[in-house]
Amino acid sequence: MNVVVCVKQVPDPNSVGQLDPTTHNLKRDGVEVVLDPGDEFG
């Protein structure tokens, strides 16, 4: 049996992020990413 688990990297919730004032999206430049906490149980 083969099992595939898809995981996602998300910005570190313990780091300070900045929003782009025009798009209101998170600026990801220089933001540390971590494994999505829910994916750790996959």
Protein backbone atom coordinates (compact mmCIF):
# COMPACT_ATOMS: atom_id res chain seq x y z
CA MET A 1 0.00 0.00 0.00
CA ASN A 2 1.29 3.46 -0.92
CA VAL A 3 0.25 6.48 1.09
CA VAL A 4 0.70 10.07 -0.06
CA VAL A 5 0.36 12.97 2.35
CA CYS A 6 0.21 16.50 0.96
CA VAL A 7 1.69 19.14 3.24
CA LYS A 8 1.75 22.91 3.05
CA GLN A 9 4.23 25.51 4.23
CA VAL A 10 2.67 28.49 5.99
CA PRO A 11 4.19 31.65 7.48
CA ASP A 12 5.48 31.12 11.01
CA PRO A 13 2.65 32.25 13.33
CA ASN A 14 5.23 33.39 15.89
CA SER A 15 6.84 35.86 13.48
CA VAL A 16 5.70 39.39 12.77
CA GLY A 17 4.18 39.78 9.32
CA GLN A 18 3.32 42.79 7.21
CA LEU A 19 0.39 43.36 4.87
CA ASP A 20 0.72 44.89 1.43
CA PRO A 21 -1.33 48.11 1.61
CA THR A 22 -2.64 47.79 -1.96
CA THR A 23 -3.53 44.08 -2.12
CA HIS A 24 -4.06 43.43 1.63
CA ASN A 25 -2.10 40.18 1.23
CA LEU A 26 0.73 39.05 3.47
CA LYS A 27 4.17 40.09 2.24
CA ARG A 28 6.03 36.78 2.08
CA ASP A 29 9.49 38.19 1.32
CA GLY A 30 11.78 37.34 4.22
CA VAL A 31 9.04 35.62 6.24
CA GLU A 32 10.08 32.28 7.73
CA VAL A 33 7.82 29.38 6.76
CA VAL A 34 6.96 26.30 8.81
CA LEU A 35 4.96 23.15 8.27
CA ASP A 36 1.22 23.72 8.72
CA PRO A 37 0.41 22.49 12.26
CA GLY A 38 -2.54 20.42 11.02
CA ASP A 39 -0.27 18.65 8.52
CA GLU A 40 1.99 17.37 11.32
CA PHE A 41 -0.68 14.78 12.09
CA GLY A 42 -0.84 13.55 8.49
